[in-house]
């Protein structure tokens, strides 16, 4: 088992990528702190891990509130004795054009999707640096590498997460800490599934824009997080692994040879 006797804390672990990652890391021996604002979701995921023979504890937390971040790190140490892996994954998403978004929505997006990542990292480092070991994995996005229409706040926080990852990596590498990010493309998480049902035409166009012709599955991102958190990535630090079905590999321009991806 790649993560035997390690303790991992995952935010936004009550569904989607966080849920898949919690279960994947547990299957490799890690004890999991399942953190989510949705207490029902967190409890369900922790219970399913336990039923499969793993170790897990659920915790409801609003990571937009700094004291609750402090508490979740303390909770992990109190319950399992240490903290080896932090996966910053939770977000709060508001759509809207840059010139039309409200200040309240901008601030909430930044508070949960960037400030909370920094503060959770800061709190986790207090534990990890003392032990001179630890792995932090942040959920970035292809939306932090390029822009989307109507997602300006999300684009901004994910770009911030990517450079926060790099800054943390270079500053703490000689303290035994690695920090990396996974940058997913379009993944079948609850928000994407909701959009798919509400706007099937948009969903179809999105799938066609992906060279592989499909959305990704949460487990496909969880596998990347597992690699980055494990000793197999012992010399991987400060990097962002893109997992997007080839989306970012395409300029977006039409084929000069005619036809399309199904030629």
C-alpha atoms as a PDB file:
ATOM      1  CA  UNK A   1       0.000   0.000   0.000  1.00  0.00           C
ATOM      2  CA  UNK A   2       1.453   3.321  -1.106  1.00  0.00           C
ATOM      3  CA  UNK A   3       0.067   5.392   1.770  1.00  0.00           C
ATOM      4  CA  UNK A   4       0.182   2.905   4.642  1.00  0.00           C
ATOM      5  CA  UNK A   5       0.048   4.617   8.057  1.00  0.00           C
ATOM      6  CA  UNK A   6      -0.343   8.103   6.574  1.00  0.00           C
ATOM      7  CA  UNK A   7      -3.003  10.648   7.410  1.00  0.00           C
ATOM      8  CA  UNK A   8      -4.674  12.720   4.705  1.00  0.00           C
ATOM      9  CA  UNK A   9      -7.078  15.639   5.053  1.00  0.00           C
ATOM     10  CA  UNK A  10      -9.225  16.446   2.021  1.00  0.00           C
ATOM     11  CA  UNK A  11     -11.513  19.456   1.731  1.00  0.00           C
ATOM     12  CA  UNK A  12     -14.641  19.288  -0.399  1.00  0.00           C
ATOM     13  CA  UNK A  13     -14.537  15.519   0.112  1.00  0.00           C
ATOM     14  CA  UNK A  14     -18.284  14.996   0.366  1.00  0.00           C
ATOM     15  CA  UNK A  15     -18.702  14.627  -3.403  1.00  0.00           C
ATOM     16  CA  UNK A  16     -16.954  14.815  -6.773  1.00  0.00           C
ATOM     17  CA  UNK A  17     -13.174  14.874  -7.001  1.00  0.00           C
ATOM     18  CA  UNK A  18     -12.798  15.127  -3.227  1.00  0.00           C
ATOM     19  CA  UNK A  19     -14.917  12.033  -2.630  1.00  0.00           C
ATOM     20  CA  UNK A  20     -13.084  10.025  -5.265  1.00  0.00           C
ATOM     21  CA  UNK A  21      -9.738  11.113  -3.832  1.00  0.00           C
ATOM     22  CA  UNK A  22     -10.726  10.273  -0.263  1.00  0.00           C
ATOM     23  CA  UNK A  23     -11.722   6.758  -1.297  1.00  0.00           C
ATOM     24  CA  UNK A  24      -8.674   6.261  -3.517  1.00  0.00           C
ATOM     25  CA  UNK A  25      -6.198   7.360  -0.862  1.00  0.00           C
ATOM     26  CA  UNK A  26      -7.994   5.228   1.721  1.00  0.00           C
ATOM     27  CA  UNK A  27      -7.680   2.210  -0.577  1.00  0.00           C
ATOM     28  CA  UNK A  28      -3.907   2.735  -0.445  1.00  0.00           C
ATOM     29  CA  UNK A  29      -3.820   2.700   3.350  1.00  0.00           C
ATOM     30  CA  UNK A  30      -4.255   6.347   4.358  1.00  0.00           C
ATOM     31  CA  UNK A  31      -6.474   7.429   7.224  1.00  0.00           C
ATOM     32  CA  UNK A  32      -8.764  10.125   5.849  1.00  0.00           C
ATOM     33  CA  UNK A  33     -10.258  13.251   7.365  1.00  0.00           C
ATOM     34  CA  UNK A  34     -13.280  13.899   5.145  1.00  0.00           C
ATOM     35  CA  UNK A  35     -14.002  17.631   5.306  1.00  0.00           C
ATOM     36  CA  UNK A  36     -17.017  19.230   3.681  1.00  0.00           C
ATOM     37  CA  UNK A  37     -19.530  21.989   4.305  1.00  0.00           C
ATOM     38  CA  UNK A  38     -22.179  19.368   3.562  1.00  0.00           C
ATOM     39  CA  UNK A  39     -22.115  17.285   6.739  1.00  0.00           C
ATOM     40  CA  UNK A  40     -24.356  14.605   5.244  1.00  0.00           C
ATOM     41  CA  UNK A  41     -22.006  14.130   2.304  1.00  0.00           C
ATOM     42  CA  UNK A  42     -18.910  14.015   4.506  1.00  0.00           C
ATOM     43  CA  UNK A  43     -20.516  11.479   6.845  1.00  0.00           C
ATOM     44  CA  UNK A  44     -21.602   9.292   3.935  1.00  0.00           C
ATOM     45  CA  UNK A  45     -18.137   9.227   2.389  1.00  0.00           C
ATOM     46  CA  UNK A  46     -16.441   8.478   5.720  1.00  0.00           C
ATOM     47  CA  UNK A  47     -18.946   5.692   6.413  1.00  0.00           C
ATOM     48  CA  UNK A  48     -18.350   4.139   2.990  1.00  0.00           C
ATOM     49  CA  UNK A  49     -14.594   4.191   3.554  1.00  0.00           C
ATOM     50  CA  UNK A  50     -15.056   2.520   6.939  1.00  0.00           C
ATOM     51  CA  UNK A  51     -17.390  -0.080   5.439  1.00  0.00           C
ATOM     52  CA  UNK A  52     -14.682  -0.931   2.906  1.00  0.00           C
ATOM     53  CA  UNK A  53     -12.215  -1.555   5.737  1.00  0.00           C
ATOM     54  CA  UNK A  54     -10.519   1.849   5.754  1.00  0.00           C
ATOM     55  CA  UNK A  55     -10.074   4.515   8.405  1.00  0.00           C
ATOM     56  CA  UNK A  56     -11.933   7.797   8.114  1.00  0.00           C
ATOM     57  CA  UNK A  57     -13.495  10.562  10.163  1.00  0.00           C
ATOM     58  CA  UNK A  58     -15.978  13.131   8.868  1.00  0.00           C
ATOM     59  CA  UNK A  59     -15.883  16.802   9.774  1.00  0.00           C
ATOM     60  CA  UNK A  60     -18.237  19.573   8.752  1.00  0.00           C
ATOM     61  CA  UNK A  61     -16.295  22.773   8.129  1.00  0.00           C
ATOM     62  CA  UNK A  62     -16.771  26.041   6.304  1.00  0.00           C
ATOM     63  CA  UNK A  63     -13.275  26.736   5.024  1.00  0.00           C
ATOM     64  CA  UNK A  64     -14.291  30.323   4.317  1.00  0.00           C
ATOM     65  CA  UNK A  65     -14.029  30.774   8.102  1.00  0.00           C
ATOM     66  CA  UNK A  66     -10.354  30.715   9.265  1.00  0.00           C
ATOM     67  CA  UNK A  67     -11.039  29.304  12.779  1.00  0.00           C
ATOM     68  CA  UNK A  68     -12.705  26.303  11.165  1.00  0.00           C
ATOM     69  CA  UNK A  69      -9.570  25.709   9.103  1.00  0.00           C
ATOM     70  CA  UNK A  70      -7.499  25.784  12.281  1.00  0.00           C
ATOM     71  CA  UNK A  71      -9.920  23.311  13.833  1.00  0.00           C
ATOM     72  CA  UNK A  72      -9.817  20.860  10.932  1.00  0.00           C
ATOM     73  CA  UNK A  73      -6.014  20.586  11.124  1.00  0.00           C
ATOM     74  CA  UNK A  74      -6.246  20.088  14.904  1.00  0.00           C
ATOM     75  CA  UNK A  75      -9.020  17.527  14.362  1.00  0.00           C
ATOM     76  CA  UNK A  76      -6.784  15.481  12.057  1.00  0.00           C
ATOM     77  CA  UNK A  77      -3.919  15.446  14.548  1.00  0.00           C
ATOM     78  CA  UNK A  78      -6.202  14.713  17.502  1.00  0.00           C
ATOM     79  CA  UNK A  79      -7.938  11.837  15.731  1.00  0.00           C
ATOM     80  CA  UNK A  80      -5.000  10.220  13.964  1.00  0.00           C
ATOM     81  CA  UNK A  81      -1.865  11.615  15.655  1.00  0.00           C
ATOM     82  CA  UNK A  82      -0.348  13.381  12.655  1.00  0.00           C
ATOM     83  CA  UNK A  83      -0.961  14.941   9.244  1.00  0.00           C
ATOM     84  CA  UNK A  84       1.011  13.759   6.229  1.00  0.00           C
ATOM     85  CA  UNK A  85      -1.128  14.889   3.287  1.00  0.00           C
ATOM     86  CA  UNK A  86      -3.281  17.952   2.717  1.00  0.00           C
ATOM     87  CA  UNK A  87      -5.471  18.098  -0.370  1.00  0.00           C
ATOM     88  CA  UNK A  88      -6.974  21.561  -0.820  1.00  0.00           C
ATOM     89  CA  UNK A  89      -9.924  20.903  -3.083  1.00  0.00           C
ATOM     90  CA  UNK A  90     -13.120  22.721  -2.008  1.00  0.00           C
ATOM     91  CA  UNK A  91     -14.404  25.708  -3.972  1.00  0.00           C
ATOM     92  CA  UNK A  92     -17.340  28.077  -4.126  1.00  0.00           C
ATOM     93  CA  UNK A  93     -18.278  28.915  -7.700  1.00  0.00           C
ATOM     94  CA  UNK A  94     -20.136  31.969  -8.939  1.00  0.00           C
ATOM     95  CA  UNK A  95     -20.551  32.647 -12.635  1.00  0.00           C
ATOM     96  CA  UNK A  96     -20.768  36.012 -14.331  1.00  0.00           C
ATOM     97  CA  UNK A  97     -18.833  38.412 -16.520  1.00  0.00           C
ATOM     98  CA  UNK A  98     -16.030  40.385 -14.895  1.00  0.00           C
ATOM     99  CA  UNK A  99     -17.906  43.672 -15.292  1.00  0.00           C
ATOM    100  CA  UNK A 100     -21.140  42.292 -13.885  1.00  0.00           C
ATOM    101  CA  UNK A 101     -20.097  40.128 -10.918  1.00  0.00           C
ATOM    102  CA  UNK A 102     -20.989  41.452  -7.490  1.00  0.00           C
ATOM    103  CA  UNK A 103     -18.313  42.300  -4.948  1.00  0.00           C
ATOM    104  CA  UNK A 104     -19.872  39.805  -2.539  1.00  0.00           C
ATOM    105  CA  UNK A 105     -19.584  36.931  -5.028  1.00  0.00           C
ATOM    106  CA  UNK A 106     -16.022  37.884  -5.931  1.00  0.00           C
ATOM    107  CA  UNK A 107     -14.986  37.937  -2.279  1.00  0.00           C
ATOM    108  CA  UNK A 108     -16.669  34.628  -1.466  1.00  0.00           C
ATOM    109  CA  UNK A 109     -15.003  32.977  -4.442  1.00  0.00           C
ATOM    110  CA  UNK A 110     -11.580  34.240  -3.363  1.00  0.00           C
ATOM    111  CA  UNK A 111     -12.147  33.448   0.316  1.00  0.00           C
ATOM    112  CA  UNK A 112     -12.997  29.783  -0.287  1.00  0.00           C
ATOM    113  CA  UNK A 113     -10.990  29.057  -3.432  1.00  0.00           C
ATOM    114  CA  UNK A 114      -7.723  30.840  -2.686  1.00  0.00           C
ATOM    115  CA  UNK A 115      -7.423  32.384   0.772  1.00  0.00           C
ATOM    116  CA  UNK A 116      -8.607  29.150   2.394  1.00  0.00           C
ATOM    117  CA  UNK A 117      -6.022  27.155   0.402  1.00  0.00           C
ATOM    118  CA  UNK A 118      -3.287  29.444   1.690  1.00  0.00           C
ATOM    119  CA  UNK A 119      -4.506  29.358   5.281  1.00  0.00           C
ATOM    120  CA  UNK A 120      -4.971  25.579   5.327  1.00  0.00           C
ATOM    121  CA  UNK A 121      -1.461  25.274   3.911  1.00  0.00           C
ATOM    122  CA  UNK A 122      -0.126  27.631   6.562  1.00  0.00           C
ATOM    123  CA  UNK A 123      -1.788  25.640   9.350  1.00  0.00           C
ATOM    124  CA  UNK A 124      -0.693  22.289   7.917  1.00  0.00           C
ATOM    125  CA  UNK A 125       2.886  23.498   7.582  1.00  0.00           C
ATOM    126  CA  UNK A 126       3.040  24.047  11.340  1.00  0.00           C
ATOM    127  CA  UNK A 127       2.538  20.301  11.734  1.00  0.00           C
ATOM    128  CA  UNK A 128       4.528  19.124   8.737  1.00  0.00           C
ATOM    129  CA  UNK A 129       7.640  21.277   9.157  1.00  0.00           C
ATOM    130  CA  UNK A 130       8.074  20.091  12.743  1.00  0.00           C
ATOM    131  CA  UNK A 131       8.188  16.508  11.405  1.00  0.00           C
ATOM    132  CA  UNK A 132      10.113  17.520   8.258  1.00  0.00           C
ATOM    133  CA  UNK A 133       7.809  15.651   5.939  1.00  0.00           C
ATOM    134  CA  UNK A 134       4.535  16.200   4.169  1.00  0.00           C
ATOM    135  CA  UNK A 135       2.797  16.471   0.823  1.00  0.00           C
ATOM    136  CA  UNK A 136       0.343  19.179  -0.157  1.00  0.00           C
ATOM    137  CA  UNK A 137      -1.750  18.780  -3.291  1.00  0.00           C
ATOM    138  CA  UNK A 138      -3.916  21.630  -4.522  1.00  0.00           C
ATOM    139  CA  UNK A 139      -6.750  21.318  -6.991  1.00  0.00           C
ATOM    140  CA  UNK A 140      -6.000  23.853  -9.685  1.00  0.00           C
ATOM    141  CA  UNK A 141      -7.731  23.816 -13.067  1.00  0.00           C
ATOM    142  CA  UNK A 142      -7.149  24.326 -16.754  1.00  0.00           C
ATOM    143  CA  UNK A 143      -9.159  27.475 -15.987  1.00  0.00           C
ATOM    144  CA  UNK A 144      -6.109  28.730 -14.108  1.00  0.00           C
ATOM    145  CA  UNK A 145      -3.996  28.323 -17.237  1.00  0.00           C
ATOM    146  CA  UNK A 146      -6.382  29.992 -19.689  1.00  0.00           C
ATOM    147  CA  UNK A 147      -9.596  32.015 -19.440  1.00  0.00           C
ATOM    148  CA  UNK A 148     -13.241  31.040 -19.796  1.00  0.00           C
ATOM    149  CA  UNK A 149     -16.184  33.232 -20.704  1.00  0.00           C
ATOM    150  CA  UNK A 150     -18.273  33.964 -17.635  1.00  0.00           C
ATOM    151  CA  UNK A 151     -15.839  32.475 -15.121  1.00  0.00           C
ATOM    152  CA  UNK A 152     -13.555  35.405 -14.364  1.00  0.00           C
ATOM    153  CA  UNK A 153     -13.463  34.928 -10.594  1.00  0.00           C
ATOM    154  CA  UNK A 154     -12.852  31.197 -10.953  1.00  0.00           C
ATOM    155  CA  UNK A 155     -10.091  31.867 -13.494  1.00  0.00           C
ATOM    156  CA  UNK A 156      -8.436  34.276 -11.073  1.00  0.00           C
ATOM    157  CA  UNK A 157      -8.461  31.982  -8.056  1.00  0.00           C
ATOM    158  CA  UNK A 158      -7.219  28.966  -9.979  1.00  0.00           C
ATOM    159  CA  UNK A 159      -4.331  30.983 -11.446  1.00  0.00           C
ATOM    160  CA  UNK A 160      -3.605  32.037  -7.875  1.00  0.00           C
ATOM    161  CA  UNK A 161      -3.716  28.439  -6.637  1.00  0.00           C
ATOM    162  CA  UNK A 162      -1.170  27.423  -9.257  1.00  0.00           C
ATOM    163  CA  UNK A 163       1.334  30.076  -8.221  1.00  0.00           C
ATOM    164  CA  UNK A 164       0.622  29.528  -4.509  1.00  0.00           C
ATOM    165  CA  UNK A 165       1.590  25.917  -5.205  1.00  0.00           C
ATOM    166  CA  UNK A 166       4.902  26.984  -6.742  1.00  0.00           C
ATOM    167  CA  UNK A 167       5.688  29.461  -3.968  1.00  0.00           C
ATOM    168  CA  UNK A 168       4.993  26.885  -1.265  1.00  0.00           C
ATOM    169  CA  UNK A 169       7.095  24.294  -3.074  1.00  0.00           C
ATOM    170  CA  UNK A 170      10.229  26.402  -3.358  1.00  0.00           C
ATOM    171  CA  UNK A 171       9.995  27.853   0.134  1.00  0.00           C
ATOM    172  CA  UNK A 172       9.515  24.543   1.960  1.00  0.00           C
ATOM    173  CA  UNK A 173      11.365  22.024  -0.211  1.00  0.00           C
ATOM    174  CA  UNK A 174      14.336  21.930   2.167  1.00  0.00           C
ATOM    175  CA  UNK A 175      11.976  21.437   5.101  1.00  0.00           C
ATOM    176  CA  UNK A 176      10.885  18.089   3.648  1.00  0.00           C
ATOM    177  CA  UNK A 177       7.600  19.371   2.207  1.00  0.00           C
ATOM    178  CA  UNK A 178       6.443  18.921  -1.381  1.00  0.00           C
ATOM    179  CA  UNK A 179       3.583  20.947  -2.894  1.00  0.00           C
ATOM    180  CA  UNK A 180       2.025  20.231  -6.271  1.00  0.00           C
ATOM    181  CA  UNK A 181      -1.237  20.840  -8.098  1.00  0.00           C
ATOM    182  CA  UNK A 182      -3.518  18.866 -10.346  1.00  0.00           C
ATOM    183  CA  UNK A 183      -5.252  20.871 -13.072  1.00  0.00           C
ATOM    184  CA  UNK A 184      -8.401  19.058 -14.166  1.00  0.00           C
ATOM    185  CA  UNK A 185     -10.347  19.835 -17.276  1.00  0.00           C
ATOM    186  CA  UNK A 186     -14.097  19.174 -17.459  1.00  0.00           C
ATOM    187  CA  UNK A 187     -14.855  16.446 -14.913  1.00  0.00           C
ATOM    188  CA  UNK A 188     -18.194  14.821 -14.147  1.00  0.00           C
ATOM    189  CA  UNK A 189     -18.644  16.448 -10.750  1.00  0.00           C
ATOM    190  CA  UNK A 190     -22.077  17.533  -9.420  1.00  0.00           C
ATOM    191  CA  UNK A 191     -21.892  21.057 -10.984  1.00  0.00           C
ATOM    192  CA  UNK A 192     -20.999  19.608 -14.407  1.00  0.00           C
ATOM    193  CA  UNK A 193     -23.727  16.974 -14.118  1.00  0.00           C
ATOM    194  CA  UNK A 194     -26.230  19.693 -13.249  1.00  0.00           C
ATOM    195  CA  UNK A 195     -25.170  21.761 -16.268  1.00  0.00           C
ATOM    196  CA  UNK A 196     -25.306  18.691 -18.477  1.00  0.00           C
ATOM    197  CA  UNK A 197     -28.948  18.127 -17.559  1.00  0.00           C
ATOM    198  CA  UNK A 198     -29.933  21.796 -17.789  1.00  0.00           C
ATOM    199  CA  UNK A 199     -28.014  22.659 -20.986  1.00  0.00           C
ATOM    200  CA  UNK A 200     -27.440  19.502 -23.045  1.00  0.00           C
ATOM    201  CA  UNK A 201     -26.391  21.470 -26.134  1.00  0.00           C
ATOM    202  CA  UNK A 202     -23.619  23.235 -24.197  1.00  0.00           C
ATOM    203  CA  UNK A 203     -22.545  19.912 -22.706  1.00  0.00           C
ATOM    204  CA  UNK A 204     -22.345  18.347 -26.159  1.00  0.00           C
ATOM    205  CA  UNK A 205     -20.244  21.236 -27.497  1.00  0.00           C
ATOM    206  CA  UNK A 206     -17.951  20.982 -24.475  1.00  0.00           C
ATOM    207  CA  UNK A 207     -17.412  17.276 -25.043  1.00  0.00           C
ATOM    208  CA  UNK A 208     -16.623  17.884 -28.696  1.00  0.00           C
ATOM    209  CA  UNK A 209     -14.015  20.494 -27.732  1.00  0.00           C
ATOM    210  CA  UNK A 210     -12.104  17.823 -25.806  1.00  0.00           C
ATOM    211  CA  UNK A 211      -9.837  15.758 -28.096  1.00  0.00           C
ATOM    212  CA  UNK A 212     -10.778  12.567 -26.240  1.00  0.00           C
ATOM    213  CA  UNK A 213     -14.440  13.397 -26.877  1.00  0.00           C
ATOM    214  CA  UNK A 214     -15.652  12.949 -23.319  1.00  0.00           C
ATOM    215  CA  UNK A 215     -15.691  14.426 -19.847  1.00  0.00           C
ATOM    216  CA  UNK A 216     -13.277  13.060 -17.281  1.00  0.00           C
ATOM    217  CA  UNK A 217     -14.296  10.969 -14.293  1.00  0.00           C
ATOM    218  CA  UNK A 218     -13.463  12.041 -10.712  1.00  0.00           C
ATOM    219  CA  UNK A 219     -11.413   8.869 -10.191  1.00  0.00           C
ATOM    220  CA  UNK A 220      -9.123   9.937 -13.039  1.00  0.00           C
ATOM    221  CA  UNK A 221      -8.189  13.036 -11.052  1.00  0.00           C
ATOM    222  CA  UNK A 222      -7.988  11.086  -7.798  1.00  0.00           C
ATOM    223  CA  UNK A 223      -5.335   8.863  -9.380  1.00  0.00           C
ATOM    224  CA  UNK A 224      -3.204  11.925 -10.138  1.00  0.00           C
ATOM    225  CA  UNK A 225      -3.585  13.189  -6.557  1.00  0.00           C
ATOM    226  CA  UNK A 226      -2.570   9.750  -5.285  1.00  0.00           C
ATOM    227  CA  UNK A 227       0.610   9.866  -7.350  1.00  0.00           C
ATOM    228  CA  UNK A 228       1.502  13.375  -6.184  1.00  0.00           C
ATOM    229  CA  UNK A 229       0.854  12.484  -2.541  1.00  0.00           C
ATOM    230  CA  UNK A 230       2.878   9.271  -2.675  1.00  0.00           C
ATOM    231  CA  UNK A 231       6.594   8.564  -2.487  1.00  0.00           C
ATOM    232  CA  UNK A 232       6.475   7.706  -6.185  1.00  0.00           C
ATOM    233  CA  UNK A 233       6.476  11.490  -6.718  1.00  0.00           C
ATOM    234  CA  UNK A 234       9.364  12.068  -4.298  1.00  0.00           C
ATOM    235  CA  UNK A 235      11.209  14.338  -6.772  1.00  0.00           C
ATOM    236  CA  UNK A 236       8.081  16.059  -8.107  1.00  0.00           C
ATOM    237  CA  UNK A 237       7.714  19.484  -6.519  1.00  0.00           C
ATOM    238  CA  UNK A 238       6.131  22.753  -7.565  1.00  0.00           C
ATOM    239  CA  UNK A 239       4.533  21.320 -10.671  1.00  0.00           C
ATOM    240  CA  UNK A 240       1.005  21.311 -12.076  1.00  0.00           C
ATOM    241  CA  UNK A 241      -0.168  18.139 -13.770  1.00  0.00           C
ATOM    242  CA  UNK A 242      -2.862  18.786 -16.362  1.00  0.00           C
ATOM    243  CA  UNK A 243      -5.495  16.060 -16.690  1.00  0.00           C
ATOM    244  CA  UNK A 244      -7.958  17.301 -19.297  1.00  0.00           C
ATOM    245  CA  UNK A 245      -8.312  14.757 -22.096  1.00  0.00           C
ATOM    246  CA  UNK A 246      -6.013  16.846 -24.309  1.00  0.00           C
ATOM    247  CA  UNK A 247      -8.030  20.071 -24.124  1.00  0.00           C
ATOM    248  CA  UNK A 248      -5.085  22.389 -23.455  1.00  0.00           C
ATOM    249  CA  UNK A 249      -2.999  20.704 -26.160  1.00  0.00           C
ATOM    250  CA  UNK A 250      -5.198  22.263 -28.873  1.00  0.00           C
ATOM    251  CA  UNK A 251      -4.847  25.869 -30.041  1.00  0.00           C
ATOM    252  CA  UNK A 252      -8.579  26.017 -30.732  1.00  0.00           C
ATOM    253  CA  UNK A 253      -8.089  26.707 -34.437  1.00  0.00           C
ATOM    254  CA  UNK A 254      -9.740  24.478 -37.071  1.00  0.00           C
ATOM    255  CA  UNK A 255      -7.782  21.815 -38.943  1.00  0.00           C
ATOM    256  CA  UNK A 256      -5.762  23.009 -41.952  1.00  0.00           C
ATOM    257  CA  UNK A 257      -5.964  19.459 -43.349  1.00  0.00           C
ATOM    258  CA  UNK A 258      -9.752  19.392 -43.253  1.00  0.00           C
ATOM    259  CA  UNK A 259     -12.002  17.321 -41.086  1.00  0.00           C
ATOM    260  CA  UNK A 260     -11.877  17.288 -37.305  1.00  0.00           C
ATOM    261  CA  UNK A 261     -10.910  15.040 -34.437  1.00  0.00           C
ATOM    262  CA  UNK A 262     -12.754  12.053 -35.916  1.00  0.00           C
ATOM    263  CA  UNK A 263     -10.933  12.102 -39.252  1.00  0.00           C
END
